[in-house]
Amino acid sequence: MSAFVTLANSFYASYRVQRQLLIDNTLEENRVYATKLAASTEQFLKSMQKQLAYSSVIAARHFDDPAVLQSETARLKYQTDSFNSVVLTNAQGRILATSPDSLQLVGHILNTPGAIQALNERRPLISQPYISAAQNLVIVISTPVITAEGKYLGYIAGTIYLRQKSILNELLGEHYYRDGSYIAVLDKERRILYHPDAYRIGEVVKPRPLTEAARKESNGSLMVTNLAGQNMLAGYAVVPSSGWEIVTQRPTDSTLKPLEGLMVKVLKHLTPLALLTLICVWLFSRMIARPLWLLARSANEMDKPDISTNIREIPSWYFESNQLKRALLIGINLLQKKIGKLKFETQTDPMTGLFNRRGLAMALESVVQMRQQFSAIALDIDHFKTINDSYGHDTGDEVIQSLAEQIRHNARESDILCRVGGEEFLVLLPDTTLAEAQMIAERLRQNVENLVLPGIRPITISLGVSYWNQQQGEPETSLKRADEALYKAKQEGRNRVVVGPQ
């Protein structure tokens, strides 16, 4: 009887531990997942604000040229597909250019909440949701158009449609699961900005423990009951720039469903052994408990880099522990892949596959930590705006991609290749002297000059070269010298290599 009671108590305790472990892991996974999504959304919003800021500078220079203004709104709309529509207004709110043209709003004066806020505050803004002039539920991301002398001319804004296909839906929609899990996004007023049920978008939810918790801390997790009375395991995180709350939820029943079958199988295996002999119960209970204990301990150490190796070394001699081990390994692998994918996407330029500015910063940090000297080549395409104006932005993109291929073709495996702007590129050459870098730059210039692109006039590039070692201060100074040399190459007539001062 004592052995049976002990076994029953152990069985129940194991069930409770595994149950709580699954709940805790799911809560933590949802918290981490929501935090990653918030970081991705923050990066996305900052990227869009940078696009608008760049366009505002162009608009300020050509504010009296409707063709340029229309071209810039079209570029914002179609180059990255970040916005559903783009508008540019003057200081009175009258629309000067818009994309797509089908909106037919040029000449109209906007008096929507987003337009009024942008005109009044005259600073970069992310608006609250409202009904637009085209009768869409939208949020507006805007930035003022200001001249070099500080004169306010108007603003340029991109809209995201909440109830139609948009970049926000694409960013969050791919994370929808079939086990009842889902993601929701709420603004500061608890209005739903994204939800798998499109009919709920725009709805203002009542204060609940989850929304109140999100107002007190930037991220966390919580067990809650949804409006349908279903118990959910929720993680939440706040997007810093907009104050949006990203909530990831999974039904508690879905989380615990595998545990029920597992415990039934454990009971079937243990009961006959317990009835046969107390010694077998004692021996086999120890053998059975050890893999589970190791797996449970490993589950609490999932943030360690070598956790997968540790789990693989756990001896799983029976079905249940092997399935748990396999499930943990699969979960860790999926999590690492998602993190790796997010990291790759944040460091890589999607058009060319080269590093972006974030990737450049990481690579530069690595080169400096390894105490490597390097040379830098800054380059861009001569008269690239003329190419865009003459052949269109699609052709301009093809030119940029062709130049990227030429850079790869002329680079070594150890070289760091980056696209740092529209048509601007930067190449870091570790352990390369200034003379060698100048030869490489000249070879690249000649190859580009001889490059034949069907249907396009020959293109040329201007290049600036600089050198850095440990005795020359911060490595960023070398990049600045390469930029200055590039600027000098432009001044001297383009299509040439200029070596910067050392």
Protein backbone atom coordinates (compact mmCIF):
# COMPACT_ATOMS: atom_id res chain seq x y z
CA MET A 1 0.00 0.00 0.00
CA SER A 2 2.83 2.45 0.81
CA ALA A 3 4.44 1.74 -2.57
CA PHE A 4 1.12 2.29 -4.35
CA VAL A 5 0.45 5.54 -2.46
CA THR A 6 3.98 6.71 -3.20
CA LEU A 7 3.58 5.84 -6.86
CA ALA A 8 0.21 7.57 -7.03
CA ASN A 9 1.59 10.64 -5.31
CA SER A 10 4.63 10.68 -7.62
CA PHE A 11 2.40 10.28 -10.62
CA TYR A 12 0.23 13.20 -9.54
CA ALA A 13 3.25 15.34 -8.66
CA SER A 14 4.85 14.57 -12.02
CA TYR A 15 1.63 15.57 -13.74
CA ARG A 16 1.49 18.87 -11.83
CA VAL A 17 5.17 19.62 -12.49
CA GLN A 18 4.91 18.85 -16.20
CA ARG A 19 1.66 20.79 -16.40
CA GLN A 20 3.15 23.84 -14.72
CA LEU A 21 6.32 23.46 -16.77
CA LEU A 22 4.33 23.50 -20.01
CA ILE A 23 2.36 26.52 -18.82
CA ASP A 24 5.47 28.39 -17.68
CA ASN A 25 7.33 27.57 -20.89
CA THR A 26 4.37 28.64 -23.01
CA LEU A 27 4.02 31.88 -21.06
CA GLU A 28 7.71 32.58 -21.47
CA GLU A 29 7.67 31.65 -25.17
CA ASN A 30 4.69 33.94 -25.74
CA ARG A 31 6.44 36.74 -23.88
CA VAL A 32 9.64 36.30 -25.91
CA TYR A 33 7.61 35.96 -29.11
CA ALA A 34 5.64 39.14 -28.39
CA THR A 35 8.89 40.96 -27.55
CA LYS A 36 10.48 39.86 -30.83
CA LEU A 37 7.41 40.96 -32.78
CA ALA A 38 7.42 44.30 -30.96
CA ALA A 39 11.09 44.75 -31.86
CA SER A 40 10.39 43.87 -35.49
CA THR A 41 7.42 46.25 -35.57
CA GLU A 42 9.52 49.00 -33.97
CA GLN A 43 12.22 48.49 -36.57
CA PHE A 44 9.57 48.52 -39.30
CA LEU A 45 8.06 51.79 -38.05
CA LYS A 46 11.49 53.41 -37.76
CA SER A 47 12.30 52.26 -41.28
CA MET A 48 9.13 53.85 -42.63
CA GLN A 49 9.85 57.07 -40.74
CA LYS A 50 13.35 57.14 -42.26
CA GLN A 51 11.86 56.66 -45.72
CA LEU A 52 9.49 59.57 -45.13
CA ALA A 53 12.29 61.73 -43.70
CA TYR A 54 14.42 61.12 -46.77
CA SER A 55 11.50 61.91 -49.07
CA SER A 56 10.73 65.10 -47.13
CA VAL A 57 14.23 66.39 -47.91
CA ILE A 58 13.70 65.74 -51.63
CA ALA A 59 10.24 67.32 -51.50
CA ALA A 60 11.60 70.42 -49.77
CA ARG A 61 14.12 70.94 -52.56
CA HIS A 62 11.53 70.55 -55.34
CA PHE A 63 8.36 71.76 -53.65
CA ASP A 64 7.35 73.82 -56.67
CA ASP A 65 7.77 70.94 -59.12
CA PRO A 66 4.57 68.79 -59.17
CA ALA A 67 6.24 66.11 -61.30
CA VAL A 68 9.00 65.55 -58.74
CA LEU A 69 6.52 65.51 -55.87
CA GLN A 70 4.32 62.99 -57.68
CA SER A 71 7.37 60.88 -58.52
CA GLU A 72 8.49 60.85 -54.89
CA THR A 73 5.09 59.78 -53.58
CA ALA A 74 5.01 57.03 -56.19
CA ARG A 75 8.48 55.87 -55.17
CA LEU A 76 7.44 55.68 -51.52
CA LYS A 77 4.31 53.75 -52.45
CA TYR A 78 5.81 51.22 -54.82
CA GLN A 79 9.51 50.88 -54.01
CA THR A 80 9.06 49.01 -50.71
CA ASP A 81 5.27 48.57 -50.60
CA SER A 82 5.35 49.73 -46.96
CA PHE A 83 2.33 52.00 -47.36
CA ASN A 84 -1.12 51.48 -48.84
CA SER A 85 -1.11 55.12 -49.99
CA VAL A 86 1.10 58.23 -49.78
CA VAL A 87 0.10 61.90 -49.73
CA LEU A 88 2.03 65.17 -49.72
CA THR A 89 0.33 68.41 -48.68
CA ASN A 90 1.23 72.06 -48.33
CA ALA A 91 1.15 74.01 -45.06
CA GLN A 92 -2.63 74.49 -45.39
CA GLY A 93 -3.32 70.78 -45.77
CA ARG A 94 -4.04 70.91 -49.52
CA ILE A 95 -2.89 67.76 -51.26
CA LEU A 96 -0.14 68.38 -53.83
CA ALA A 97 0.66 64.78 -54.77
CA THR A 98 -0.70 61.34 -53.93
CA SER A 99 -0.09 57.72 -54.79
CA PRO A 100 -1.85 55.72 -56.02
CA ASP A 101 -3.40 58.10 -58.55
CA SER A 102 -6.74 56.32 -58.24
CA LEU A 103 -7.40 58.19 -54.99
CA GLN A 104 -7.97 61.39 -57.04
CA LEU A 105 -7.39 63.63 -54.01
CA VAL A 106 -4.95 66.16 -55.51
CA GLY A 107 -6.21 69.67 -54.78
CA HIS A 108 -8.43 68.58 -51.88
CA ILE A 109 -7.86 69.89 -48.37
CA LEU A 110 -7.56 67.13 -45.77
CA ASN A 111 -9.40 67.70 -42.50
CA THR A 112 -9.03 64.20 -41.07
CA PRO A 113 -7.68 63.79 -37.51
CA GLY A 114 -4.30 62.57 -38.79
CA ALA A 115 -3.99 65.55 -41.15
CA ILE A 116 -4.97 68.06 -38.47
CA GLN A 117 -2.52 66.56 -35.99
CA ALA A 118 0.32 66.60 -38.54
CA LEU A 119 -0.36 70.27 -39.44
CA ASN A 120 -0.64 71.36 -35.81
CA GLU A 121 2.32 69.50 -34.29
CA ARG A 122 4.72 69.70 -37.28
CA ARG A 123 6.85 66.76 -36.16
CA PRO A 124 7.16 63.05 -37.08
CA LEU A 125 3.95 61.32 -35.95
CA ILE A 126 2.19 57.97 -35.82
CA SER A 127 -1.52 58.77 -35.63
CA GLN A 128 -4.34 57.02 -33.84
CA PRO A 129 -6.67 55.02 -36.12
CA TYR A 130 -9.39 57.01 -37.89
CA ILE A 131 -11.61 56.97 -41.00
CA SER A 132 -9.72 58.52 -43.93
CA ALA A 133 -11.03 60.71 -46.77
CA ALA A 134 -11.30 57.54 -48.87
CA GLN A 135 -13.43 55.91 -46.11
CA ASN A 136 -10.75 53.48 -44.94
CA LEU A 137 -9.80 52.76 -41.33
CA VAL A 138 -6.17 53.86 -41.32
CA ILE A 139 -3.19 54.88 -39.28
CA VAL A 140 -0.95 57.61 -40.70
CA ILE A 141 2.82 57.90 -40.36
CA SER A 142 3.87 61.45 -41.25
CA THR A 143 6.89 63.75 -41.19
CA PRO A 144 7.06 67.50 -41.87
CA VAL A 145 8.57 68.98 -45.04
CA ILE A 146 10.94 71.72 -43.90
CA THR A 147 13.41 73.71 -45.98
CA ALA A 148 17.09 74.04 -45.12
CA GLU A 149 16.24 77.48 -43.70
CA GLY A 150 13.69 75.96 -41.35
CA LYS A 151 10.53 77.02 -43.20
CA TYR A 152 7.59 74.64 -42.81
CA LEU A 153 6.12 73.75 -46.21
CA GLY A 154 3.71 70.95 -45.32
CA TYR A 155 4.06 67.24 -44.60
CA ILE A 156 4.41 63.91 -46.35
CA ALA A 157 2.56 60.91 -44.97
CA GLY A 158 2.08 57.21 -45.62
CA THR A 159 -1.09 55.36 -44.63
CA ILE A 160 -1.61 51.77 -43.56
CA TYR A 161 -5.09 50.36 -44.09
CA LEU A 162 -6.12 48.28 -41.07
CA ARG A 163 -9.02 46.40 -42.67
CA GLN A 164 -7.36 45.67 -45.98
CA LYS A 165 -4.19 43.93 -47.10
CA SER A 166 -1.24 45.90 -45.77
CA ILE A 167 2.36 45.53 -44.64
CA LEU A 168 1.13 45.27 -41.03
CA ASN A 169 -1.02 42.27 -41.93
CA GLU A 170 1.89 40.65 -43.76
CA LEU A 171 4.22 41.26 -40.83
CA LEU A 172 1.89 39.67 -38.27
CA GLY A 173 -0.40 37.44 -40.32
CA GLU A 174 2.26 34.83 -41.09
CA HIS A 175 2.47 34.02 -37.39
CA TYR A 176 -1.10 32.68 -37.17
CA TYR A 177 -1.43 29.11 -35.87
CA ARG A 178 -4.15 26.46 -36.18
CA ASP A 179 -4.24 25.42 -32.50
CA GLY A 180 -6.27 28.47 -31.48
CA SER A 181 -3.22 30.69 -30.92
CA TYR A 182 -3.36 34.17 -32.35
CA ILE A 183 -1.81 37.62 -32.25
CA ALA A 184 -3.59 40.90 -31.60
CA VAL A 185 -2.32 44.49 -31.68
CA LEU A 186 -3.95 47.31 -29.64
CA ASP A 187 -3.16 51.03 -29.58
CA LYS A 188 -2.95 53.25 -26.49
CA GLU A 189 -6.76 53.61 -26.41
CA ARG A 190 -7.21 49.79 -26.46
CA ARG A 191 -8.47 49.95 -30.05
CA ILE A 192 -7.72 46.77 -31.99
CA LEU A 193 -5.31 47.44 -34.89
CA TYR A 194 -4.79 43.82 -35.90
CA HIS A 195 -6.74 40.66 -35.16
CA PRO A 196 -7.26 37.35 -37.03
CA ASP A 197 -10.97 38.20 -37.01
CA ALA A 198 -11.03 41.21 -39.37
CA TYR A 199 -14.46 42.28 -38.07
CA ARG A 200 -12.92 43.12 -34.69
CA ILE A 201 -10.38 45.56 -36.14
CA GLY A 202 -11.27 49.06 -34.92
CA GLU A 203 -13.12 47.75 -31.86
CA VAL A 204 -12.26 49.35 -28.51
CA VAL A 205 -11.96 46.68 -25.81
CA LYS A 206 -12.83 47.24 -22.18
CA PRO A 207 -10.07 47.41 -19.55
CA ARG A 208 -8.92 43.88 -18.70
CA PRO A 209 -6.05 42.48 -16.60
CA LEU A 210 -3.97 41.86 -19.72
CA THR A 211 -4.33 45.39 -21.15
CA GLU A 212 -3.73 46.94 -17.74
CA ALA A 213 -0.58 44.85 -17.24
CA ALA A 214 0.77 46.02 -20.61
CA ARG A 215 0.40 49.64 -19.44
CA LYS A 216 2.59 48.98 -16.37
CA GLU A 217 5.57 47.18 -17.93
CA SER A 218 7.06 46.88 -21.42
CA ASN A 219 6.69 43.09 -21.64
CA GLY A 220 5.46 40.14 -19.62
CA SER A 221 3.10 37.17 -19.54
CA LEU A 222 -0.20 36.37 -17.89
CA MET A 223 -2.87 33.67 -17.60
CA VAL A 224 -6.17 35.23 -18.66
CA THR A 225 -9.73 34.36 -19.66
CA ASN A 226 -10.88 35.75 -23.01
CA LEU A 227 -14.34 37.11 -23.87
CA ALA A 228 -15.49 33.60 -24.85
CA GLY A 229 -14.60 32.29 -21.38
CA GLN A 230 -11.58 30.34 -22.67
CA ASN A 231 -8.44 30.15 -20.52
CA MET A 232 -5.47 31.57 -22.42
CA LEU A 233 -1.73 31.84 -21.87
CA ALA A 234 -0.73 35.30 -23.03
CA GLY A 235 2.50 37.16 -23.63
CA TYR A 236 2.62 40.88 -24.31
CA ALA A 237 5.10 43.58 -25.31
CA VAL A 238 4.88 47.29 -26.09
CA VAL A 239 6.23 48.92 -29.27
CA PRO A 240 8.19 51.91 -27.84
CA SER A 241 7.67 54.51 -30.59
CA SER A 242 3.92 54.00 -31.03
CA GLY A 243 2.80 52.62 -27.68
CA TRP A 244 1.07 49.70 -29.46
CA GLU A 245 0.55 46.57 -27.40
CA ILE A 246 1.34 43.27 -29.14
CA VAL A 247 -0.41 40.32 -27.50
CA THR A 248 0.25 36.65 -28.31
CA GLN A 249 -2.22 34.13 -26.88
CA ARG A 250 -2.48 30.35 -26.84
CA PRO A 251 -5.33 28.30 -25.34
CA THR A 252 -4.35 26.56 -22.10
CA ASP A 253 -6.11 23.41 -23.31
CA SER A 254 -3.93 23.28 -26.44
CA THR A 255 -0.81 23.66 -24.32
CA LEU A 256 -1.79 20.86 -21.93
CA LYS A 257 -3.29 18.49 -24.49
CA PRO A 258 -0.03 16.54 -25.10
CA LEU A 259 0.39 16.11 -21.35
CA GLU A 260 -2.81 14.09 -20.95
CA GLY A 261 -1.80 11.43 -23.44
CA LEU A 262 1.71 11.34 -22.04
CA MET A 263 0.53 10.74 -18.48
CA VAL A 264 -1.86 7.97 -19.58
CA LYS A 265 0.99 6.16 -21.28
CA VAL A 266 3.24 6.60 -18.24
CA LEU A 267 0.52 5.16 -16.01
CA LYS A 268 0.05 2.12 -18.28
CA HIS A 269 3.76 1.40 -18.20
CA LEU A 270 4.21 1.86 -14.46
CA THR A 271 1.12 0.14 -13.01
CA PRO A 272 2.02 -3.48 -13.94
CA LEU A 273 5.54 -3.00 -12.65
CA ALA A 274 4.27 -1.59 -9.37
CA LEU A 275 1.97 -4.61 -8.85
CA LEU A 276 4.69 -7.17 -9.55
CA THR A 277 7.42 -6.11 -7.16
CA LEU A 278 8.39 -3.26 -4.88
CA ILE A 279 11.99 -3.63 -5.93
CA CYS A 280 11.13 -3.22 -9.60
CA VAL A 281 9.05 -0.18 -8.75
CA TRP A 282 11.98 1.35 -6.90
CA LEU A 283 14.51 0.51 -9.63
CA PHE A 284 12.45 1.42 -12.64
CA SER A 285 10.98 4.55 -11.09
CA ARG A 286 14.51 5.84 -10.70
CA MET A 287 15.38 4.96 -14.31
CA ILE A 288 12.19 6.54 -15.61
CA ALA A 289 12.43 9.68 -13.52
CA ARG A 290 16.00 10.53 -14.46
CA PRO A 291 15.40 11.38 -18.19
CA LEU A 292 12.31 13.39 -17.26
CA TRP A 293 14.24 15.23 -14.60
CA LEU A 294 17.05 16.02 -17.03
CA LEU A 295 14.58 17.18 -19.67
CA ALA A 296 12.74 19.33 -17.12
CA ARG A 297 16.01 20.90 -16.01
CA SER A 298 17.03 21.49 -19.64
CA ALA A 299 13.67 23.11 -20.33
CA ASN A 300 14.51 25.71 -17.69
CA GLU A 301 17.88 26.37 -19.38
CA MET A 302 16.64 26.90 -22.95
CA ASP A 303 18.45 30.24 -23.18
CA LYS A 304 21.91 28.62 -22.96
CA PRO A 305 23.80 28.33 -26.27
CA ASP A 306 24.77 24.66 -25.83
CA ILE A 307 21.37 23.46 -24.59
CA SER A 308 20.67 21.41 -27.76
CA THR A 309 23.87 19.39 -27.24
CA ASN A 310 22.98 18.79 -23.59
CA ILE A 311 19.48 17.57 -24.49
CA ARG A 312 20.81 15.19 -27.17
CA GLU A 313 23.11 13.62 -24.59
CA ILE A 314 20.18 12.87 -22.27
CA PRO A 315 19.56 9.08 -22.34
CA SER A 316 15.93 8.62 -23.44
CA TRP A 317 15.38 4.91 -23.39
CA TYR A 318 11.58 4.89 -23.43
CA PHE A 319 8.99 6.39 -25.73
CA GLU A 320 7.63 9.19 -23.55
CA SER A 321 10.97 10.68 -22.59
CA ASN A 322 12.19 10.36 -26.18
CA GLN A 323 9.10 12.23 -27.41
CA LEU A 324 9.64 14.96 -24.83
CA LYS A 325 13.29 15.17 -25.84
CA ARG A 326 12.35 15.35 -29.50
CA ALA A 327 9.70 18.00 -28.79
CA LEU A 328 12.20 20.13 -26.87
CA LEU A 329 14.81 19.85 -29.64
CA ILE A 330 12.24 20.74 -32.31
CA GLY A 331 11.03 23.71 -30.27
CA ILE A 332 14.56 24.99 -29.67
CA ASN A 333 15.44 24.55 -33.35
CA LEU A 334 12.34 26.46 -34.48
CA LEU A 335 13.02 29.25 -32.00
CA GLN A 336 16.64 29.57 -33.09
CA LYS A 337 15.62 29.59 -36.76
CA LYS A 338 13.10 32.36 -36.16
CA ILE A 339 15.63 34.41 -34.21
CA GLY A 340 18.26 33.79 -36.89
CA LYS A 341 15.84 34.79 -39.64
CA LEU A 342 14.90 38.01 -37.85
CA LYS A 343 18.57 38.79 -37.25
CA PHE A 344 19.43 38.12 -40.92
CA GLU A 345 16.55 40.27 -42.16
CA THR A 346 17.53 43.20 -39.93
CA GLN A 347 21.15 43.12 -41.17
CA THR A 348 20.60 42.50 -44.89
CA ASP A 349 19.42 44.72 -47.73
CA PRO A 350 16.47 42.82 -49.31
CA MET A 351 17.09 44.08 -52.86
CA THR A 352 20.78 43.19 -53.24
CA GLY A 353 21.42 40.66 -50.47
CA LEU A 354 24.33 42.80 -49.22
CA PHE A 355 24.70 44.05 -45.66
CA ASN A 356 22.68 47.13 -44.69
CA ARG A 357 23.85 49.77 -42.21
CA ARG A 358 23.06 47.55 -39.22
CA GLY A 359 24.98 44.66 -40.79
CA LEU A 360 27.85 47.04 -41.57
CA ALA A 361 28.01 48.13 -37.93
CA MET A 362 28.14 44.51 -36.73
CA ALA A 363 30.82 43.56 -39.27
CA LEU A 364 32.88 46.66 -38.49
CA GLU A 365 32.72 45.85 -34.79
CA SER A 366 33.98 42.33 -35.49
CA VAL A 367 36.89 43.60 -37.62
CA VAL A 368 37.92 46.06 -34.90
CA GLN A 369 37.71 43.43 -32.15
CA MET A 370 40.03 41.17 -34.17
CA ARG A 371 42.45 44.13 -34.48
CA GLN A 372 42.47 43.91 -38.27
CA GLN A 373 43.60 46.80 -40.42
CA PHE A 374 41.32 47.49 -43.35
CA SER A 375 40.75 49.68 -46.37
CA ALA A 376 37.35 51.11 -47.27
CA ILE A 377 35.87 51.84 -50.69
CA ALA A 378 32.84 54.13 -50.87
CA LEU A 379 31.09 54.27 -54.23
CA ASP A 380 27.84 55.26 -55.87
CA ILE A 381 26.32 55.38 -59.34
CA ASP A 382 26.90 58.53 -61.36
CA HIS A 383 23.74 60.42 -62.37
CA PHE A 384 21.53 57.71 -60.90
CA LYS A 385 18.54 60.04 -60.68
CA THR A 386 18.75 60.52 -64.44
CA ILE A 387 18.54 56.75 -64.88
CA ASN A 388 15.41 56.61 -62.71
CA ASP A 389 13.86 59.55 -64.52
CA SER A 390 14.71 58.20 -67.98
CA TYR A 391 14.00 54.48 -67.58
CA GLY A 392 11.85 54.22 -64.47
CA HIS A 393 12.43 52.96 -60.94
CA ASP A 394 12.23 49.29 -61.95
CA THR A 395 15.17 49.78 -64.30
CA GLY A 396 16.93 51.73 -61.57
CA ASP A 397 16.51 48.75 -59.27
CA GLU A 398 17.98 46.48 -61.97
CA VAL A 399 20.99 48.78 -62.27
CA ILE A 400 21.52 48.65 -58.49
CA GLN A 401 21.28 44.85 -58.53
CA SER A 402 23.72 44.62 -61.47
CA LEU A 403 26.20 46.84 -59.63
CA ALA A 404 25.84 44.63 -56.55
CA GLU A 405 26.74 41.59 -58.69
CA GLN A 406 29.79 43.39 -60.05
CA ILE A 407 30.89 44.22 -56.50
CA ARG A 408 30.52 40.56 -55.51
CA HIS A 409 32.42 39.46 -58.62
CA ASN A 410 35.36 41.75 -57.80
CA ALA A 411 35.39 41.01 -54.06
CA ARG A 412 37.12 38.34 -52.03
CA GLU A 413 35.32 35.97 -49.68
CA SER A 414 36.61 37.88 -46.65
CA ASP A 415 35.47 41.30 -47.92
CA ILE A 416 32.43 42.99 -46.33
CA LEU A 417 29.95 44.29 -48.93
CA CYS A 418 27.28 46.79 -47.92
CA ARG A 419 24.53 48.86 -49.47
CA VAL A 420 24.32 51.95 -47.27
CA GLY A 421 21.84 54.04 -49.25
CA GLY A 422 19.79 54.21 -52.43
CA GLU A 423 22.65 53.89 -54.93
CA GLU A 424 25.46 54.12 -52.36
CA PHE A 425 27.69 51.15 -51.51
CA LEU A 426 30.60 50.52 -49.15
CA VAL A 427 33.23 47.78 -49.31
CA LEU A 428 35.50 46.94 -46.35
CA LEU A 429 38.71 45.12 -47.28
CA PRO A 430 40.30 43.51 -44.17
CA ASP A 431 44.09 43.21 -44.13
CA THR A 432 44.36 45.22 -47.37
CA THR A 433 46.80 48.06 -47.97
CA LEU A 434 45.75 51.38 -49.47
CA ALA A 435 47.55 50.63 -52.74
CA GLU A 436 45.83 47.26 -53.07
CA ALA A 437 42.46 48.84 -52.33
CA GLN A 438 43.07 51.48 -54.99
CA MET A 439 43.82 48.74 -57.55
CA ILE A 440 40.65 46.86 -56.59
CA ALA A 441 38.59 50.05 -56.84
CA GLU A 442 40.03 50.89 -60.26
CA ARG A 443 39.33 47.36 -61.53
CA LEU A 444 35.74 47.61 -60.30
CA ARG A 445 35.35 51.02 -61.96
CA GLN A 446 36.58 49.67 -65.30
CA ASN A 447 34.35 46.59 -65.11
CA VAL A 448 31.29 48.74 -64.45
CA GLU A 449 32.22 51.16 -67.23
CA ASN A 450 32.46 48.20 -69.64
CA LEU A 451 29.26 46.61 -68.35
CA VAL A 452 26.52 46.25 -70.98
CA LEU A 453 22.95 46.44 -69.68
CA PRO A 454 20.30 45.77 -72.35
CA GLY A 455 18.17 48.82 -73.12
CA ILE A 456 20.14 51.11 -70.80
CA ARG A 457 22.91 53.57 -71.54
CA PRO A 458 26.35 52.69 -70.09
CA ILE A 459 26.70 53.48 -66.41
CA THR A 460 29.72 54.68 -64.46
CA ILE A 461 30.60 54.89 -60.81
CA SER A 462 32.70 57.18 -58.64
CA LEU A 463 34.79 55.73 -55.84
CA GLY A 464 36.60 56.99 -52.75
CA VAL A 465 39.29 54.93 -50.97
CA SER A 466 40.66 55.22 -47.42
CA TYR A 467 42.71 53.14 -44.97
CA TRP A 468 42.50 52.43 -41.22
CA ASN A 469 44.63 50.76 -38.57
CA GLN A 470 44.73 50.73 -34.78
CA GLN A 471 46.78 53.94 -34.61
CA GLN A 472 44.18 56.03 -36.46
CA GLY A 473 41.49 56.43 -33.83
CA GLU A 474 37.91 55.30 -34.37
CA PRO A 475 37.29 53.21 -37.54
CA GLU A 476 34.33 55.42 -38.47
CA THR A 477 36.81 58.16 -39.36
CA SER A 478 38.10 55.98 -42.19
CA LEU A 479 34.57 55.60 -43.55
CA LYS A 480 34.15 59.37 -43.38
CA ARG A 481 37.41 59.86 -45.30
CA ALA A 482 36.20 57.40 -47.95
CA ASP A 483 32.97 59.42 -48.27
CA GLU A 484 34.96 62.65 -48.59
CA ALA A 485 37.11 61.06 -51.30
CA LEU A 486 33.95 59.93 -53.10
CA TYR A 487 32.59 63.46 -52.94
CA LYS A 488 35.87 64.74 -54.37
CA ALA A 489 35.62 62.20 -57.22
CA LYS A 490 32.18 63.60 -58.00
CA GLN A 491 33.52 67.15 -58.02
CA GLU A 492 36.39 66.20 -60.33
CA GLY A 493 34.07 64.87 -63.00
CA ARG A 494 32.88 61.42 -61.81
CA ASN A 495 33.86 57.99 -63.18
CA ARG A 496 37.12 57.96 -61.27
CA VAL A 497 38.84 56.69 -58.11
CA VAL A 498 40.07 59.19 -55.53
CA VAL A 499 42.21 58.21 -52.54
CA GLY A 500 41.33 60.06 -49.37
CA PRO A 501 43.84 61.72 -47.00
CA GLN A 502 45.42 59.39 -44.44
